[in-house]
PDB file of all heavy atoms in Angstrom:
ATOM      1  N   LEU A   1     -42.981  55.725   8.814  1.00  0.00           N
ATOM      2  CA  LEU A   1     -43.353  56.834   7.957  1.00  0.00           C
ATOM      3  C   LEU A   1     -44.334  56.313   6.918  1.00  0.00           C
ATOM      4  O   LEU A   1     -44.042  55.345   6.182  1.00  0.00           O
ATOM      5  CB  LEU A   1     -42.142  57.465   7.232  1.00  0.00           C
ATOM      6  CG  LEU A   1     -41.025  57.913   8.153  1.00  0.00           C
ATOM      7  CD1 LEU A   1     -39.775  58.172   7.338  1.00  0.00           C
ATOM      8  CD2 LEU A   1     -41.469  59.218   8.868  1.00  0.00           C
ATOM      9  N   VAL A   2     -45.533  56.973   6.767  1.00  0.00           N
ATOM     10  CA  VAL A   2     -46.543  56.579   5.883  1.00  0.00           C
ATOM     11  C   VAL A   2     -46.887  57.758   5.045  1.00  0.00           C
ATOM     12  O   VAL A   2     -47.495  58.767   5.517  1.00  0.00           O
ATOM     13  CB  VAL A   2     -47.700  56.037   6.649  1.00  0.00           C
ATOM     14  CG1 VAL A   2     -48.874  55.647   5.640  1.00  0.00           C
ATOM     15  CG2 VAL A   2     -47.343  54.879   7.554  1.00  0.00           C
ATOM     16  N   GLU A   3     -46.513  57.595   3.697  1.00  0.00           N
ATOM     17  CA  GLU A   3     -46.886  58.694   2.784  1.00  0.00           C
ATOM     18  C   GLU A   3     -48.142  58.455   1.979  1.00  0.00           C
ATOM     19  O   GLU A   3     -48.574  57.311   1.814  1.00  0.00           O
ATOM     20  CB  GLU A   3     -45.708  58.844   1.764  1.00  0.00           C
ATOM     21  CG  GLU A   3     -44.346  59.165   2.317  1.00  0.00           C
ATOM     22  CD  GLU A   3     -43.539  57.926   2.641  1.00  0.00           C
ATOM     23  OE1 GLU A   3     -44.096  56.722   2.667  1.00  0.00           O
ATOM     24  OE2 GLU A   3     -42.340  58.082   2.885  1.00  0.00           O
ATOM     25  N   SER A   4     -48.887  59.488   1.599  1.00  0.00           N
ATOM     26  CA  SER A   4     -50.043  59.327   0.892  1.00  0.00           C
ATOM     27  C   SER A   4     -50.378  60.601   0.063  1.00  0.00           C
ATOM     28  O   SER A   4     -49.704  61.577   0.194  1.00  0.00           O
ATOM     29  CB  SER A   4     -51.255  59.035   1.769  1.00  0.00           C
ATOM     30  OG  SER A   4     -51.469  60.088   2.635  1.00  0.00           O
ATOM     31  N   GLY A   5     -51.289  60.462  -0.915  1.00  0.00           N
ATOM     32  CA  GLY A   5     -51.677  61.544  -1.635  1.00  0.00           C
ATOM     33  C   GLY A   5     -51.188  61.545  -3.115  1.00  0.00           C
ATOM     34  O   GLY A   5     -51.648  62.452  -3.892  1.00  0.00           O
ATOM     35  N   GLY A   6     -50.462  60.669  -3.529  1.00  0.00           N
ATOM     36  CA  GLY A   6     -49.903  60.656  -4.849  1.00  0.00           C
ATOM     37  C   GLY A   6     -51.006  60.236  -5.943  1.00  0.00           C
ATOM     38  O   GLY A   6     -52.186  59.940  -5.500  1.00  0.00           O
ATOM     39  N   GLY A   7     -50.740  60.288  -7.103  1.00  0.00           N
ATOM     40  CA  GLY A   7     -51.616  59.929  -8.264  1.00  0.00           C
ATOM     41  C   GLY A   7     -51.169  60.308  -9.542  1.00  0.00           C
ATOM     42  O   GLY A   7     -50.058  60.833  -9.751  1.00  0.00           O
ATOM     43  N   LEU A   8     -52.130  60.282 -10.514  1.00  0.00           N
ATOM     44  CA  LEU A   8     -51.879  60.769 -11.864  1.00  0.00           C
ATOM     45  C   LEU A   8     -52.501  62.121 -12.043  1.00  0.00           C
ATOM     46  O   LEU A   8     -53.621  62.417 -11.714  1.00  0.00           O
ATOM     47  CB  LEU A   8     -52.524  59.790 -12.893  1.00  0.00           C
ATOM     48  CG  LEU A   8     -52.521  60.212 -14.389  1.00  0.00           C
ATOM     49  CD1 LEU A   8     -51.165  60.324 -14.873  1.00  0.00           C
ATOM     50  CD2 LEU A   8     -53.363  59.207 -15.185  1.00  0.00           C
ATOM     51  N   VAL A   9     -51.667  63.003 -12.651  1.00  0.00           N
ATOM     52  CA  VAL A   9     -52.095  64.403 -12.738  1.00  0.00           C
ATOM     53  C   VAL A   9     -51.566  64.931 -14.118  1.00  0.00           C
ATOM     54  O   VAL A   9     -50.482  64.505 -14.544  1.00  0.00           O
ATOM     55  CB  VAL A   9     -51.624  65.296 -11.604  1.00  0.00           C
ATOM     56  CG1 VAL A   9     -50.118  65.435 -11.480  1.00  0.00           C
ATOM     57  CG2 VAL A   9     -52.319  66.703 -11.706  1.00  0.00           C
ATOM     58  N   GLN A  10     -52.326  65.852 -14.739  1.00  0.00           N
ATOM     59  CA  GLN A  10     -51.810  66.335 -16.049  1.00  0.00           C
ATOM     60  C   GLN A  10     -50.788  67.488 -15.846  1.00  0.00           C
ATOM     61  O   GLN A  10     -50.776  68.110 -14.714  1.00  0.00           O
ATOM     62  CB  GLN A  10     -53.076  66.995 -16.811  1.00  0.00           C
ATOM     63  CG  GLN A  10     -54.011  65.917 -17.245  1.00  0.00           C
ATOM     64  CD  GLN A  10     -55.077  66.440 -18.151  1.00  0.00           C
ATOM     65  OE1 GLN A  10     -55.309  67.719 -18.122  1.00  0.00           O
ATOM     66  NE2 GLN A  10     -55.727  65.714 -18.970  1.00  0.00           N
ATOM     67  N   PRO A  11     -49.949  67.739 -16.801  1.00  0.00           N
ATOM     68  CA  PRO A  11     -49.012  68.843 -16.585  1.00  0.00           C
ATOM     69  C   PRO A  11     -49.731  70.201 -16.286  1.00  0.00           C
ATOM     70  O   PRO A  11     -50.799  70.437 -16.887  1.00  0.00           O
ATOM     71  CB  PRO A  11     -48.346  68.879 -17.995  1.00  0.00           C
ATOM     72  CG  PRO A  11     -48.341  67.497 -18.504  1.00  0.00           C
ATOM     73  CD  PRO A  11     -49.654  66.995 -17.960  1.00  0.00           C
ATOM     74  N   GLY A  12     -49.150  70.837 -15.342  1.00  0.00           N
ATOM     75  CA  GLY A  12     -49.769  72.149 -14.933  1.00  0.00           C
ATOM     76  C   GLY A  12     -50.666  71.947 -13.729  1.00  0.00           C
ATOM     77  O   GLY A  12     -51.188  72.966 -13.083  1.00  0.00           O
ATOM     78  N   GLY A  13     -51.026  70.686 -13.382  1.00  0.00           N
ATOM     79  CA  GLY A  13     -51.911  70.425 -12.323  1.00  0.00           C
ATOM     80  C   GLY A  13     -51.200  70.433 -10.908  1.00  0.00           C
ATOM     81  O   GLY A  13     -49.994  70.815 -10.821  1.00  0.00           O
ATOM     82  N   SER A  14     -51.924  70.120  -9.871  1.00  0.00           N
ATOM     83  CA  SER A  14     -51.481  70.154  -8.504  1.00  0.00           C
ATOM     84  C   SER A  14     -51.864  68.940  -7.727  1.00  0.00           C
ATOM     85  O   SER A  14     -52.812  68.225  -8.130  1.00  0.00           O
ATOM     86  CB  SER A  14     -52.199  71.407  -7.798  1.00  0.00           C
ATOM     87  OG  SER A  14     -51.902  72.578  -8.414  1.00  0.00           O
ATOM     88  N   LEU A  15     -51.019  68.592  -6.765  1.00  0.00           N
ATOM     89  CA  LEU A  15     -51.300  67.506  -5.837  1.00  0.00           C
ATOM     90  C   LEU A  15     -50.767  67.886  -4.394  1.00  0.00           C
ATOM     91  O   LEU A  15     -49.910  68.782  -4.325  1.00  0.00           O
ATOM     92  CB  LEU A  15     -50.579  66.209  -6.282  1.00  0.00           C
ATOM     93  CG  LEU A  15     -51.171  65.339  -7.323  1.00  0.00           C
ATOM     94  CD1 LEU A  15     -50.141  64.117  -7.628  1.00  0.00           C
ATOM     95  CD2 LEU A  15     -52.421  64.766  -6.892  1.00  0.00           C
ATOM     96  N   SER A  16     -51.416  67.332  -3.401  1.00  0.00           N
ATOM     97  CA  SER A  16     -50.925  67.523  -2.125  1.00  0.00           C
ATOM     98  C   SER A  16     -50.650  66.163  -1.497  1.00  0.00           C
ATOM     99  O   SER A  16     -51.430  65.287  -1.452  1.00  0.00           O
ATOM    100  CB  SER A  16     -52.036  68.268  -1.291  1.00  0.00           C
ATOM    101  OG  SER A  16     -52.205  69.571  -1.683  1.00  0.00           O
ATOM    102  N   LEU A  17     -49.380  66.093  -0.955  1.00  0.00           N
ATOM    103  CA  LEU A  17     -48.941  64.819  -0.258  1.00  0.00           C
ATOM    104  C   LEU A  17     -48.926  64.979   1.182  1.00  0.00           C
ATOM    105  O   LEU A  17     -48.675  66.117   1.730  1.00  0.00           O
ATOM    106  CB  LEU A  17     -47.595  64.529  -0.781  1.00  0.00           C
ATOM    107  CG  LEU A  17     -47.314  64.403  -2.276  1.00  0.00           C
ATOM    108  CD1 LEU A  17     -45.828  64.006  -2.566  1.00  0.00           C
ATOM    109  CD2 LEU A  17     -48.234  63.501  -2.980  1.00  0.00           C
ATOM    110  N   SER A  18     -49.127  63.922   1.888  1.00  0.00           N
ATOM    111  CA  SER A  18     -49.013  63.930   3.324  1.00  0.00           C
ATOM    112  C   SER A  18     -48.188  62.751   3.773  1.00  0.00           C
ATOM    113  O   SER A  18     -48.050  61.669   3.164  1.00  0.00           O
ATOM    114  CB  SER A  18     -50.452  63.685   3.950  1.00  0.00           C
ATOM    115  OG  SER A  18     -51.327  64.673   3.571  1.00  0.00           O
ATOM    116  N   CYS A  19     -47.547  62.977   4.956  1.00  0.00           N
ATOM    117  CA  CYS A  19     -46.734  61.919   5.603  1.00  0.00           C
ATOM    118  C   CYS A  19     -46.954  62.003   7.127  1.00  0.00           C
ATOM    119  O   CYS A  19     -46.719  63.027   7.733  1.00  0.00           O
ATOM    120  CB  CYS A  19     -45.320  62.108   5.205  1.00  0.00           C
ATOM    121  SG  CYS A  19     -44.068  61.131   6.232  1.00  0.00           S
ATOM    122  N   VAL A  20     -47.340  60.860   7.632  1.00  0.00           N
ATOM    123  CA  VAL A  20     -47.534  60.763   9.096  1.00  0.00           C
ATOM    124  C   VAL A  20     -46.330  59.981   9.643  1.00  0.00           C
ATOM    125  O   VAL A  20     -45.957  58.887   9.161  1.00  0.00           O
ATOM    126  CB  VAL A  20     -48.818  60.052   9.389  1.00  0.00           C
ATOM    127  CG1 VAL A  20     -48.921  59.818  10.942  1.00  0.00           C
ATOM    128  CG2 VAL A  20     -49.957  60.751   8.858  1.00  0.00           C
ATOM    129  N   ALA A  21     -45.688  60.455  10.634  1.00  0.00           N
ATOM    130  CA  ALA A  21     -44.586  59.875  11.297  1.00  0.00           C
ATOM    131  C   ALA A  21     -45.013  59.375  12.656  1.00  0.00           C
ATOM    132  O   ALA A  21     -45.630  60.076  13.421  1.00  0.00           O
ATOM    133  CB  ALA A  21     -43.375  60.834  11.438  1.00  0.00           C
ATOM    134  N   SER A  22     -44.566  58.147  13.022  1.00  0.00           N
ATOM    135  CA  SER A  22     -44.772  57.695  14.392  1.00  0.00           C
ATOM    136  C   SER A  22     -43.486  57.143  14.945  1.00  0.00           C
ATOM    137  O   SER A  22     -42.624  56.759  14.130  1.00  0.00           O
ATOM    138  CB  SER A  22     -45.866  56.526  14.321  1.00  0.00           C
ATOM    139  OG  SER A  22     -45.499  55.533  13.533  1.00  0.00           O
ATOM    140  N   GLY A  23     -43.397  57.062  16.207  1.00  0.00           N
ATOM    141  CA  GLY A  23     -42.242  56.475  16.878  1.00  0.00           C
ATOM    142  C   GLY A  23     -41.094  57.415  17.091  1.00  0.00           C
ATOM    143  O   GLY A  23     -39.933  57.021  17.372  1.00  0.00           O
ATOM    144  N   THR A  24     -41.326  58.686  16.872  1.00  0.00           N
ATOM    145  CA  THR A  24     -40.347  59.751  17.134  1.00  0.00           C
ATOM    146  C   THR A  24     -40.947  60.999  17.730  1.00  0.00           C
ATOM    147  O   THR A  24     -42.097  61.158  17.636  1.00  0.00           O
ATOM    148  CB  THR A  24     -39.599  60.038  15.795  1.00  0.00           C
ATOM    149  OG1 THR A  24     -38.589  61.034  16.016  1.00  0.00           O
ATOM    150  CG2 THR A  24     -40.620  60.660  14.759  1.00  0.00           C
ATOM    151  N   PHE A  25     -40.031  61.754  18.293  1.00  0.00           N
ATOM    152  CA  PHE A  25     -40.535  63.007  18.803  1.00  0.00           C
ATOM    153  C   PHE A  25     -40.612  64.035  17.602  1.00  0.00           C
ATOM    154  O   PHE A  25     -39.684  64.883  17.355  1.00  0.00           O
ATOM    155  CB  PHE A  25     -39.576  63.607  19.913  1.00  0.00           C
ATOM    156  CG  PHE A  25     -39.658  62.709  21.123  1.00  0.00           C
ATOM    157  CD1 PHE A  25     -38.539  61.876  21.447  1.00  0.00           C
ATOM    158  CD2 PHE A  25     -40.779  62.730  21.994  1.00  0.00           C
ATOM    159  CE1 PHE A  25     -38.667  61.118  22.589  1.00  0.00           C
ATOM    160  CE2 PHE A  25     -40.766  61.923  23.083  1.00  0.00           C
ATOM    161  CZ  PHE A  25     -39.732  61.167  23.409  1.00  0.00           C
ATOM    162  N   PHE A  26     -41.711  63.946  16.866  1.00  0.00           N
ATOM    163  CA  PHE A  26     -41.752  64.638  15.643  1.00  0.00           C
ATOM    164  C   PHE A  26     -41.499  66.126  15.712  1.00  0.00           C
ATOM    165  O   PHE A  26     -40.798  66.778  14.916  1.00  0.00           O
ATOM    166  CB  PHE A  26     -43.243  64.430  15.141  1.00  0.00           C
ATOM    167  CG  PHE A  26     -43.469  65.079  13.716  1.00  0.00           C
ATOM    168  CD1 PHE A  26     -43.139  64.437  12.575  1.00  0.00           C
ATOM    169  CD2 PHE A  26     -44.136  66.274  13.679  1.00  0.00           C
ATOM    170  CE1 PHE A  26     -43.345  65.052  11.385  1.00  0.00           C
ATOM    171  CE2 PHE A  26     -44.401  66.915  12.483  1.00  0.00           C
ATOM    172  CZ  PHE A  26     -44.068  66.259  11.281  1.00  0.00           C
ATOM    173  N   ALA A  27     -42.016  66.776  16.847  1.00  0.00           N
ATOM    174  CA  ALA A  27     -41.997  68.221  16.885  1.00  0.00           C
ATOM    175  C   ALA A  27     -40.488  68.748  17.051  1.00  0.00           C
ATOM    176  O   ALA A  27     -40.367  69.923  16.828  1.00  0.00           O
ATOM    177  CB  ALA A  27     -42.779  68.670  18.132  1.00  0.00           C
ATOM    178  N   ILE A  28     -39.565  67.897  17.388  1.00  0.00           N
ATOM    179  CA  ILE A  28     -38.188  68.319  17.640  1.00  0.00           C
ATOM    180  C   ILE A  28     -37.279  67.954  16.508  1.00  0.00           C
ATOM    181  O   ILE A  28     -36.123  67.937  16.535  1.00  0.00           O
ATOM    182  CB  ILE A  28     -37.744  67.927  18.981  1.00  0.00           C
ATOM    183  CG1 ILE A  28     -37.597  66.374  19.117  1.00  0.00           C
ATOM    184  CG2 ILE A  28     -38.475  68.451  20.081  1.00  0.00           C
ATOM    185  CD1 ILE A  28     -36.799  65.913  20.273  1.00  0.00           C
ATOM    186  N   ARG A  29     -37.883  67.426  15.426  1.00  0.00           N
ATOM    187  CA  ARG A  29     -37.101  67.021  14.188  1.00  0.00           C
ATOM    188  C   ARG A  29     -37.330  67.748  13.016  1.00  0.00           C
ATOM    189  O   ARG A  29     -38.545  67.956  12.710  1.00  0.00           O
ATOM    190  CB  ARG A  29     -37.339  65.469  13.990  1.00  0.00           C
ATOM    191  CG  ARG A  29     -36.898  64.561  15.170  1.00  0.00           C
ATOM    192  CD  ARG A  29     -35.492  64.728  15.628  1.00  0.00           C
ATOM    193  NE  ARG A  29     -34.557  64.445  14.486  1.00  0.00           N
ATOM    194  CZ  ARG A  29     -34.009  63.228  14.187  1.00  0.00           C
ATOM    195  NH1 ARG A  29     -34.384  62.232  14.926  1.00  0.00           N
ATOM    196  NH2 ARG A  29     -33.156  63.099  13.308  1.00  0.00           N
TER     197      ARG A  29
END
């Protein structure tokens, strides 16, 4: 599992995180 997208943001702000999974049948989990 590899997560990305974090950072520093001010209160009220927005962020989008992503996670790529390998080695598993992702679609059925």
